N, C-alpha and C. Protein backbone atom coordinates (compact mmCIF):
# COMPACT_ATOMS: atom_id res chain seq x y z
N UNK A 1 -173.10 84.31 -8.68
CA UNK A 1 -172.49 83.25 -9.57
C UNK A 1 -172.65 81.68 -9.01
N UNK A 2 -173.25 80.78 -9.63
CA UNK A 2 -173.76 79.35 -9.07
C UNK A 2 -172.74 78.59 -9.44
N UNK A 3 -172.45 77.85 -8.51
CA UNK A 3 -171.72 76.68 -8.48
C UNK A 3 -172.36 75.51 -8.73
N UNK A 4 -172.12 74.68 -9.94
CA UNK A 4 -172.62 73.37 -10.31
C UNK A 4 -171.87 72.27 -9.58
N UNK A 5 -172.96 71.53 -9.02
CA UNK A 5 -172.44 70.40 -8.32
C UNK A 5 -172.12 69.02 -9.27
N UNK A 6 -171.06 68.47 -8.82
CA UNK A 6 -170.86 67.29 -9.57
C UNK A 6 -171.88 65.98 -9.21
N UNK A 7 -172.07 65.32 -10.35
CA UNK A 7 -172.69 64.07 -9.90
C UNK A 7 -171.61 63.13 -9.43
N UNK A 8 -172.16 62.00 -8.85
CA UNK A 8 -171.52 60.98 -8.09
C UNK A 8 -170.40 60.46 -9.28
N UNK A 9 -171.04 60.07 -10.17
CA UNK A 9 -170.17 59.59 -11.31
C UNK A 9 -168.87 60.48 -11.74
N UNK A 10 -169.36 62.02 -11.98
CA UNK A 10 -168.03 62.80 -12.39
C UNK A 10 -167.08 62.72 -11.22
N UNK A 11 -167.63 62.73 -9.87
CA UNK A 11 -166.71 62.96 -8.96
C UNK A 11 -165.79 61.57 -8.73
N UNK A 12 -166.49 60.44 -9.13
CA UNK A 12 -165.47 58.97 -9.40
C UNK A 12 -164.73 59.45 -10.18
N UNK A 13 -164.81 60.01 -11.67
CA UNK A 13 -163.91 60.06 -12.70
C UNK A 13 -163.05 60.80 -12.26
N UNK A 14 -163.13 62.05 -11.59
CA UNK A 14 -162.22 63.04 -11.38
C UNK A 14 -161.36 62.41 -10.32
N UNK A 15 -161.81 61.49 -9.22
CA UNK A 15 -160.77 60.87 -8.24
C UNK A 15 -159.88 59.83 -9.02
N UNK A 16 -160.61 59.11 -9.88
CA UNK A 16 -159.53 58.21 -10.94
C UNK A 16 -158.37 58.78 -11.33
N UNK A 17 -158.64 59.90 -11.93
CA UNK A 17 -157.66 60.89 -12.53
C UNK A 17 -156.81 61.32 -11.73
N UNK A 18 -157.33 62.03 -10.62
CA UNK A 18 -156.47 62.33 -9.58
C UNK A 18 -155.32 61.56 -8.89
N UNK A 19 -155.84 60.26 -8.47
CA UNK A 19 -155.22 59.15 -8.32
C UNK A 19 -154.37 58.52 -9.20
N UNK A 20 -154.51 58.43 -10.36
CA UNK A 20 -153.43 57.97 -11.56
C UNK A 20 -152.48 58.97 -11.49
N UNK A 21 -152.83 60.41 -11.70
CA UNK A 21 -151.81 61.28 -11.83
C UNK A 21 -150.92 61.24 -10.80
N UNK A 22 -151.40 61.20 -9.58
CA UNK A 22 -150.54 61.16 -8.15
C UNK A 22 -149.55 59.92 -8.20
N UNK A 23 -150.17 58.70 -8.84
CA UNK A 23 -149.54 57.61 -8.69
C UNK A 23 -148.38 57.27 -9.81
N UNK A 24 -148.96 57.72 -11.05
CA UNK A 24 -147.98 57.41 -12.04
C UNK A 24 -147.15 58.90 -13.05
N UNK A 25 -148.01 59.92 -12.46
CA UNK A 25 -147.54 61.28 -13.11
C UNK A 25 -148.41 61.27 -14.58
N UNK A 26 -149.04 60.41 -14.95
CA UNK A 26 -149.76 60.41 -16.09
C UNK A 26 -151.22 60.20 -15.93
N UNK A 27 -152.15 60.68 -17.00
CA UNK A 27 -153.73 60.47 -16.61
C UNK A 27 -153.94 59.23 -17.45
N UNK A 28 -155.08 58.34 -16.63
CA UNK A 28 -155.26 57.15 -16.89
C UNK A 28 -156.07 57.32 -18.44
N UNK A 29 -156.19 56.25 -19.12
CA UNK A 29 -156.95 55.95 -20.51
C UNK A 29 -157.98 56.10 -20.32
N UNK A 30 -159.16 56.27 -21.37
CA UNK A 30 -160.35 56.11 -21.20
C UNK A 30 -160.81 54.88 -20.64
N UNK A 31 -160.36 53.76 -21.39
CA UNK A 31 -161.01 52.28 -20.83
C UNK A 31 -160.40 52.26 -19.37
N UNK A 32 -159.14 52.53 -18.75
CA UNK A 32 -158.82 52.68 -17.39
C UNK A 32 -159.71 53.16 -16.45
N UNK A 33 -160.17 54.49 -16.98
CA UNK A 33 -161.05 55.15 -16.21
C UNK A 33 -162.36 54.36 -16.08
N UNK A 34 -162.97 53.94 -17.33
CA UNK A 34 -164.25 52.92 -17.39
C UNK A 34 -164.18 51.66 -16.60
N UNK A 35 -162.96 51.32 -16.67
CA UNK A 35 -162.93 49.79 -15.80
C UNK A 35 -162.98 50.42 -14.16
N UNK A 36 -162.42 51.49 -13.57
CA UNK A 36 -162.45 51.67 -12.48
C UNK A 36 -163.71 52.52 -11.82
N UNK A 37 -164.49 53.03 -12.73
CA UNK A 37 -165.87 53.69 -12.36
C UNK A 37 -167.20 52.80 -12.95
N UNK A 38 -166.70 51.67 -13.34
CA UNK A 38 -168.02 50.81 -13.70
C UNK A 38 -168.58 51.18 -15.01
N UNK A 39 -168.08 51.82 -15.98
CA UNK A 39 -168.56 52.23 -17.25
C UNK A 39 -168.16 51.46 -18.56
N UNK A 40 -168.68 50.64 -19.26
CA UNK A 40 -168.13 49.59 -20.32
C UNK A 40 -168.08 50.43 -21.55
N UNK A 41 -169.06 51.67 -21.93
CA UNK A 41 -168.61 52.31 -22.77
C UNK A 41 -167.39 53.44 -22.83
N UNK A 42 -166.75 53.49 -23.77
CA UNK A 42 -165.70 54.61 -23.88
C UNK A 42 -166.42 55.93 -24.21
N UNK A 43 -167.52 55.77 -24.94
CA UNK A 43 -168.40 57.10 -25.22
C UNK A 43 -168.90 57.72 -23.82
N UNK A 44 -169.21 56.93 -23.22
CA UNK A 44 -169.83 57.42 -21.75
C UNK A 44 -168.81 57.93 -21.03
N UNK A 45 -167.77 57.52 -20.84
CA UNK A 45 -166.54 57.86 -20.34
C UNK A 45 -166.07 59.35 -20.98
N UNK A 46 -165.93 59.24 -22.22
CA UNK A 46 -165.60 60.46 -22.82
C UNK A 46 -166.53 61.49 -22.48
N UNK A 47 -167.83 61.49 -22.41
CA UNK A 47 -169.16 62.29 -22.15
C UNK A 47 -168.63 63.01 -20.62
N UNK A 48 -168.44 62.16 -19.74
CA UNK A 48 -167.99 62.48 -18.48
C UNK A 48 -166.89 63.26 -18.36
N UNK A 49 -165.72 63.10 -19.19
CA UNK A 49 -164.44 64.00 -19.35
C UNK A 49 -164.73 65.35 -20.11
N UNK A 50 -165.69 65.20 -20.82
CA UNK A 50 -166.07 66.57 -21.66
C UNK A 50 -166.82 67.38 -20.75
N UNK A 51 -167.62 66.89 -19.86
CA UNK A 51 -168.34 67.54 -18.96
C UNK A 51 -167.42 68.31 -17.86
N UNK A 52 -166.35 67.41 -17.21
CA UNK A 52 -165.42 67.87 -16.63
C UNK A 52 -164.56 69.02 -17.13
N UNK A 53 -164.20 68.87 -18.33
CA UNK A 53 -163.50 69.54 -19.05
C UNK A 53 -164.22 71.04 -19.46
N UNK A 54 -165.69 70.92 -19.60
CA UNK A 54 -166.31 72.18 -19.79
C UNK A 54 -166.46 73.14 -18.40
N UNK A 55 -166.52 72.18 -17.19
CA UNK A 55 -166.85 72.82 -15.97
C UNK A 55 -165.56 73.32 -15.32
N UNK A 56 -164.42 73.06 -16.21
CA UNK A 56 -162.88 73.72 -16.08
C UNK A 56 -162.00 72.88 -15.01
N UNK A 57 -162.62 71.80 -14.68
CA UNK A 57 -161.77 70.70 -13.81
C UNK A 57 -160.55 70.06 -14.30
N UNK A 58 -160.67 69.74 -15.63
CA UNK A 58 -159.57 69.34 -16.32
C UNK A 58 -159.32 69.94 -17.49
N UNK A 59 -158.08 69.79 -17.98
CA UNK A 59 -157.85 70.24 -19.11
C UNK A 59 -156.97 69.44 -20.13
N UNK A 60 -156.88 69.35 -21.18
CA UNK A 60 -156.07 68.51 -22.11
C UNK A 60 -155.21 69.25 -23.24
N UNK A 61 -153.95 68.85 -23.26
CA UNK A 61 -152.81 69.72 -23.98
C UNK A 61 -152.96 69.14 -25.53
N UNK A 62 -153.75 67.90 -25.85
CA UNK A 62 -153.60 67.36 -27.02
C UNK A 62 -155.14 66.96 -27.10
N UNK A 63 -155.50 66.67 -28.31
CA UNK A 63 -156.84 65.94 -28.51
C UNK A 63 -157.01 64.53 -27.88
N UNK A 64 -156.07 64.00 -27.32
CA UNK A 64 -156.27 62.78 -26.79
C UNK A 64 -156.68 62.99 -25.27
N UNK A 65 -157.45 62.03 -24.62
CA UNK A 65 -157.95 62.37 -23.31
C UNK A 65 -156.90 61.95 -22.34
N UNK A 66 -155.78 61.14 -22.68
CA UNK A 66 -154.71 60.85 -22.04
C UNK A 66 -153.71 61.86 -21.42
N UNK A 67 -153.86 63.09 -22.35
CA UNK A 67 -153.12 64.06 -21.93
C UNK A 67 -153.92 64.98 -20.98
N UNK A 68 -154.94 64.64 -20.45
CA UNK A 68 -155.63 65.63 -19.62
C UNK A 68 -154.77 65.84 -18.41
N UNK A 69 -155.11 66.92 -17.66
CA UNK A 69 -154.51 67.43 -16.54
C UNK A 69 -155.53 68.10 -15.60
N UNK A 70 -155.09 67.80 -14.40
CA UNK A 70 -156.04 68.82 -13.42
C UNK A 70 -156.18 70.18 -13.65
N UNK A 71 -157.08 70.93 -13.64
CA UNK A 71 -156.87 72.13 -13.48
C UNK A 71 -156.38 73.11 -12.53
N UNK A 72 -155.65 73.91 -12.40
CA UNK A 72 -154.84 74.54 -11.43
C UNK A 72 -155.87 75.33 -10.68
């Protein structure tokens, strides 16, 4: 079984999500993530989130990314 390595950007996005959930109990918005990691396009942020979700590192209970949670 091969483990796929995260890019620096993916690690940054995951760190922002972890920090926001630890601080507020809620996931950050796409725009908040973008501001913190230096991405101005919400589509680019959504792409990174989709990749993290496909890797099983985050999940979401609704269609919105704001509902994302860290995988157990």
